[in-house]
Amino acid sequence: MTDLHSPRPAPLPRPSARRSLGKWLALGCTGLLVLCVVFVLGVGALVVGSIRRSGAYQLAVAEVRESPAVRQALGHPISEGLWVTGSVNVSGPSGEASLSFPVSGPGGGATVYVEATKRAGEWELRLLEVRLAGDGRRLDLLDEAGASLETIRAFLGAAASGDHRTAHGYCAASLQEALPFEEFAADAASHAGLFRTRELRLTKVRGDRGPHYRGTLLLESGREVPASFKLLRENGAWRLTAFQMGS
């Protein structure tokens, strides 16, 4: 008769071996966790870097730094924070952006809120607000002082009264070069009714080069016509770089 013997069970690992195995497992999990954190931070840094390089972000930062109200509240110089939240979506010449980021100066800090649209390759700010950290006040930078709108009113008023020289003076140097005084005066005289306005129904946005107003003009005749005005700051004052009235 042949004796059948079951295999002898393998010896259990000694306590020191079990401790070593647990130690290596713990180190492995910790290393994996560190790699995951590094990966997430790396992806986040790439996204933030892409947003900071976008035209919408750069335009907003420039406007915040140049704002007299922000300088008065935060002091000068004004610095950007490291982090940006939100998104920028671009498809060719079009795009949308919704952002917020911190800024600070010698007098305190604030959060900037931005909404922008890209049309025909040019970014336009539709919302630019700064919430001060100290008292929670919100500064609307797109409506700051309304000086650019007053330039449009003065331009229209001068042209409507026949003072074409003064009206032409509200044009930037680039527009005066493209539209000499004699040509402007002749056009203004032949379309005098377009300058006689009862109400400006314009929406203000902020483009890459300065404020941009679009909407309609309610004329004294009662007719409503489409209108568009672009401005930039020249020698400390707002001046027209382009305008279009009527269909």
Protein backbone atom coordinates (compact mmCIF):
# COMPACT_ATOMS: atom_id res chain seq x y z
CA MET A 1 0.00 0.00 0.00
CA THR A 2 1.27 3.42 -0.91
CA ASP A 3 0.99 6.15 1.65
CA LEU A 4 -0.53 9.38 0.39
CA HIS A 5 0.79 12.47 2.07
CA SER A 6 -0.78 15.94 1.71
CA PRO A 7 1.70 18.72 0.94
CA ARG A 8 3.14 20.45 3.91
CA PRO A 9 1.72 24.03 4.25
CA ALA A 10 4.15 26.89 3.58
CA PRO A 11 5.45 28.50 6.69
CA LEU A 12 3.86 31.81 7.64
CA PRO A 13 6.07 34.86 7.23
CA ARG A 14 7.81 35.95 10.33
CA PRO A 15 6.50 39.09 12.05
CA SER A 16 9.52 41.11 10.85
CA ALA A 17 8.77 40.10 7.24
CA ARG A 18 5.15 41.17 7.60
CA ARG A 19 6.22 44.53 8.97
CA SER A 20 8.60 45.05 6.03
CA LEU A 21 5.87 44.16 3.55
CA GLY A 22 3.45 46.62 5.18
CA LYS A 23 6.12 49.30 5.18
CA TRP A 24 6.73 48.91 1.42
CA LEU A 25 3.01 48.93 0.71
CA ALA A 26 2.61 52.14 2.72
CA LEU A 27 5.53 53.75 0.90
CA GLY A 28 4.09 52.67 -2.44
CA CYS A 29 0.67 54.17 -1.66
CA THR A 30 2.26 57.39 -0.43
CA GLY A 31 4.35 57.65 -3.61
CA LEU A 32 1.29 57.05 -5.77
CA LEU A 33 -0.62 59.73 -3.87
CA VAL A 34 2.25 62.20 -4.32
CA LEU A 35 2.37 61.47 -8.06
CA CYS A 36 -1.38 62.07 -8.34
CA VAL A 37 -1.09 65.40 -6.49
CA VAL A 38 1.83 66.47 -8.69
CA PHE A 39 -0.12 65.51 -11.81
CA VAL A 40 -3.21 67.45 -10.74
CA LEU A 41 -1.14 70.51 -9.83
CA GLY A 42 0.71 70.28 -13.13
CA VAL A 43 -2.52 70.16 -15.13
CA GLY A 44 -3.89 73.05 -13.08
CA ALA A 45 -0.77 75.13 -13.70
CA LEU A 46 -1.06 74.51 -17.45
CA VAL A 47 -4.72 75.57 -17.47
CA VAL A 48 -4.04 78.70 -15.40
CA GLY A 49 -1.08 79.58 -17.61
CA SER A 50 -3.26 79.25 -20.71
CA ILE A 51 -5.94 81.51 -19.21
CA ARG A 52 -3.38 84.12 -18.13
CA ARG A 53 -2.05 84.26 -21.68
CA SER A 54 -5.51 84.81 -23.17
CA GLY A 55 -6.50 88.15 -24.63
CA ALA A 56 -9.50 88.42 -22.29
CA TYR A 57 -7.34 88.09 -19.17
CA GLN A 58 -4.63 90.45 -20.44
CA LEU A 59 -7.24 93.06 -21.40
CA ALA A 60 -8.91 92.87 -17.99
CA VAL A 61 -5.61 93.20 -16.12
CA ALA A 62 -4.64 96.25 -18.18
CA GLU A 63 -7.97 97.95 -17.46
CA VAL A 64 -7.74 97.22 -13.72
CA ARG A 65 -4.22 98.61 -13.49
CA GLU A 66 -5.20 101.80 -15.36
CA SER A 67 -8.40 102.41 -13.39
CA PRO A 68 -8.23 105.57 -11.22
CA ALA A 69 -10.86 104.12 -8.85
CA VAL A 70 -8.86 100.92 -8.30
CA ARG A 71 -5.65 102.86 -7.78
CA GLN A 72 -7.36 105.05 -5.23
CA ALA A 73 -8.72 102.04 -3.34
CA LEU A 74 -5.70 99.70 -3.52
CA GLY A 75 -2.75 101.99 -4.16
CA HIS A 76 -0.05 101.54 -6.77
CA PRO A 77 1.44 99.32 -8.14
CA ILE A 78 -1.30 96.73 -8.51
CA SER A 79 -0.22 93.09 -8.74
CA GLU A 80 -2.11 90.01 -9.94
CA GLY A 81 -2.55 86.92 -7.79
CA LEU A 82 -1.18 83.55 -8.84
CA TRP A 83 -4.49 81.77 -9.31
CA VAL A 84 -7.30 82.30 -11.82
CA THR A 85 -10.68 80.58 -11.83
CA GLY A 86 -13.10 80.33 -14.72
CA SER A 87 -12.81 79.37 -18.36
CA VAL A 88 -11.82 80.68 -21.78
CA ASN A 89 -13.31 79.01 -24.86
CA VAL A 90 -12.05 80.10 -28.27
CA SER A 91 -13.03 78.85 -31.72
CA GLY A 92 -11.13 80.68 -34.42
CA PRO A 93 -12.02 84.40 -34.35
CA SER A 94 -14.83 83.87 -31.80
CA GLY A 95 -14.82 83.05 -28.13
CA GLU A 96 -16.25 83.47 -24.64
CA ALA A 97 -14.53 84.01 -21.29
CA SER A 98 -15.75 84.08 -17.69
CA LEU A 99 -13.01 84.66 -15.12
CA SER A 100 -12.20 85.80 -11.62
CA PHE A 101 -8.80 86.47 -10.09
CA PRO A 102 -7.30 88.33 -7.12
CA VAL A 103 -5.32 91.56 -7.26
CA SER A 104 -3.60 93.52 -4.54
CA GLY A 105 -1.83 96.79 -3.89
CA PRO A 106 -0.22 98.59 -0.95
CA GLY A 107 -3.68 99.54 0.33
CA GLY A 108 -5.37 96.13 0.22
CA GLY A 109 -6.72 93.37 -1.99
CA ALA A 110 -9.67 92.72 -4.25
CA THR A 111 -11.26 90.17 -6.56
CA VAL A 112 -11.80 90.92 -10.24
CA TYR A 113 -14.77 89.47 -12.13
CA VAL A 114 -14.68 89.34 -15.93
CA GLU A 115 -17.04 88.35 -18.72
CA ALA A 116 -15.79 88.82 -22.27
CA THR A 117 -16.72 87.97 -25.84
CA LYS A 118 -14.43 87.61 -28.82
CA ARG A 119 -15.84 88.77 -32.15
CA ALA A 120 -13.95 88.96 -35.43
CA GLY A 121 -10.72 88.32 -33.57
CA GLU A 122 -11.18 91.13 -31.02
CA TRP A 123 -11.97 90.66 -27.33
CA GLU A 124 -14.64 92.88 -25.78
CA LEU A 125 -15.30 93.11 -22.04
CA ARG A 126 -18.99 92.88 -21.14
CA LEU A 127 -18.45 92.78 -17.39
CA LEU A 128 -15.50 94.10 -15.42
CA GLU A 129 -16.11 94.50 -11.70
CA VAL A 130 -13.69 94.74 -8.79
CA ARG A 131 -14.92 93.67 -5.32
CA LEU A 132 -12.81 95.27 -2.60
CA ALA A 133 -11.80 92.91 0.19
CA GLY A 134 -11.96 95.60 2.89
CA ASP A 135 -15.55 96.86 2.72
CA GLY A 136 -17.01 94.64 -0.01
CA ARG A 137 -17.70 97.55 -2.38
CA ARG A 138 -17.96 96.73 -6.08
CA LEU A 139 -16.39 99.00 -8.67
CA ASP A 140 -17.94 98.81 -12.15
CA LEU A 141 -15.00 99.66 -14.40
CA LEU A 142 -17.04 99.56 -17.62
CA ASP A 143 -19.12 102.47 -16.36
CA GLU A 144 -16.31 104.37 -14.70
CA ALA A 145 -17.01 108.13 -14.84
CA GLY A 146 -18.90 107.77 -18.15
CA ALA A 147 -16.36 110.10 -19.75
CA SER A 148 -16.24 108.18 -23.02
CA LEU A 149 -20.02 108.45 -23.44
CA GLU A 150 -19.81 112.19 -22.83
CA THR A 151 -17.32 112.45 -25.70
CA ILE A 152 -19.92 110.88 -28.01
CA ARG A 153 -22.60 113.30 -26.79
CA ALA A 154 -20.30 116.28 -27.31
CA PHE A 155 -19.33 115.06 -30.77
CA LEU A 156 -22.95 114.65 -31.85
CA GLY A 157 -23.97 117.97 -30.30
CA ALA A 158 -21.21 119.93 -32.04
CA ALA A 159 -21.96 118.36 -35.42
CA ALA A 160 -25.72 118.93 -34.97
CA SER A 161 -25.15 122.64 -34.30
CA GLY A 162 -22.97 122.99 -37.39
CA ASP A 163 -19.73 123.41 -35.42
CA HIS A 164 -17.91 120.87 -37.55
CA ARG A 165 -14.45 122.01 -36.50
CA THR A 166 -15.17 121.24 -32.84
CA ALA A 167 -16.83 117.94 -33.77
CA HIS A 168 -13.81 116.94 -35.84
CA GLY A 169 -11.64 117.75 -32.83
CA TYR A 170 -13.31 114.91 -30.91
CA CYS A 171 -11.81 112.47 -33.42
CA ALA A 172 -8.50 110.75 -32.70
CA ALA A 173 -5.47 111.60 -34.82
CA SER A 174 -5.83 108.35 -36.77
CA LEU A 175 -9.46 109.13 -37.67
CA GLN A 176 -8.65 112.75 -38.56
CA GLU A 177 -6.01 111.46 -40.94
CA ALA A 178 -8.40 108.95 -42.52
CA LEU A 179 -11.27 111.47 -42.57
CA PRO A 180 -9.88 115.00 -43.22
CA PHE A 181 -11.86 117.98 -41.96
CA GLU A 182 -13.20 119.07 -45.37
CA GLU A 183 -14.54 115.58 -46.10
CA PHE A 184 -16.01 115.25 -42.59
CA ALA A 185 -17.69 118.67 -42.75
CA ALA A 186 -19.24 117.88 -46.13
CA ASP A 187 -20.59 114.52 -44.93
CA ALA A 188 -21.88 116.00 -41.66
CA ALA A 189 -23.66 118.80 -43.48
CA SER A 190 -25.34 116.41 -45.93
CA HIS A 191 -26.48 114.07 -43.14
CA ALA A 192 -27.18 116.66 -40.45
CA GLY A 193 -30.33 114.88 -39.29
CA LEU A 194 -28.32 111.88 -38.07
CA PHE A 195 -26.49 114.06 -35.53
CA ARG A 196 -29.65 115.62 -34.07
CA THR A 197 -30.39 113.01 -31.41
CA ARG A 198 -33.01 112.86 -28.71
CA GLU A 199 -31.66 109.77 -26.91
CA LEU A 200 -28.60 107.51 -27.07
CA ARG A 201 -29.59 103.87 -26.67
CA LEU A 202 -26.12 102.39 -26.62
CA THR A 203 -24.56 99.41 -24.87
CA LYS A 204 -20.97 99.84 -23.75
CA VAL A 205 -18.38 97.13 -24.04
CA ARG A 206 -14.61 97.35 -23.75
CA GLY A 207 -12.56 96.28 -26.74
CA ASP A 208 -8.86 95.55 -27.13
CA ARG A 209 -8.17 99.19 -27.99
CA GLY A 210 -10.75 101.04 -25.88
CA PRO A 211 -14.51 101.44 -25.22
CA HIS A 212 -16.92 100.39 -27.93
CA TYR A 213 -20.57 101.44 -27.95
CA ARG A 214 -23.22 99.70 -30.06
CA GLY A 215 -26.95 100.23 -30.25
CA THR A 216 -29.29 102.83 -31.71
CA LEU A 217 -29.84 106.59 -31.75
CA LEU A 218 -33.33 108.03 -31.33
CA LEU A 219 -33.30 111.07 -33.60
CA GLU A 220 -35.23 114.29 -33.06
CA SER A 221 -37.32 113.28 -36.08
CA GLY A 222 -38.50 110.23 -34.12
CA ARG A 223 -36.60 107.78 -36.30
CA GLU A 224 -34.35 105.19 -34.63
CA VAL A 225 -31.13 104.29 -36.46
CA PRO A 226 -28.33 101.82 -35.67
CA ALA A 227 -25.06 103.32 -34.45
CA SER A 228 -21.59 102.27 -33.40
CA PHE A 229 -18.75 104.28 -31.80
CA LYS A 230 -15.20 103.23 -30.91
CA LEU A 231 -12.89 105.31 -28.73
CA LEU A 232 -9.43 105.37 -27.24
CA ARG A 233 -7.67 107.58 -24.71
CA GLU A 234 -5.43 110.10 -26.45
CA ASN A 235 -3.51 112.81 -24.56
CA GLY A 236 -5.57 112.12 -21.44
CA ALA A 237 -8.99 112.41 -23.15
CA TRP A 238 -11.36 110.04 -24.94
CA ARG A 239 -11.35 110.44 -28.71
CA LEU A 240 -13.31 108.68 -31.46
CA THR A 241 -11.41 106.19 -33.62
CA ALA A 242 -14.47 105.12 -35.64
CA PHE A 243 -18.19 105.85 -35.85
CA GLN A 244 -21.10 104.67 -37.95
CA MET A 245 -24.67 105.91 -37.94
CA GLY A 246 -27.62 104.84 -40.02
CA SER A 247 -28.15 101.70 -42.07
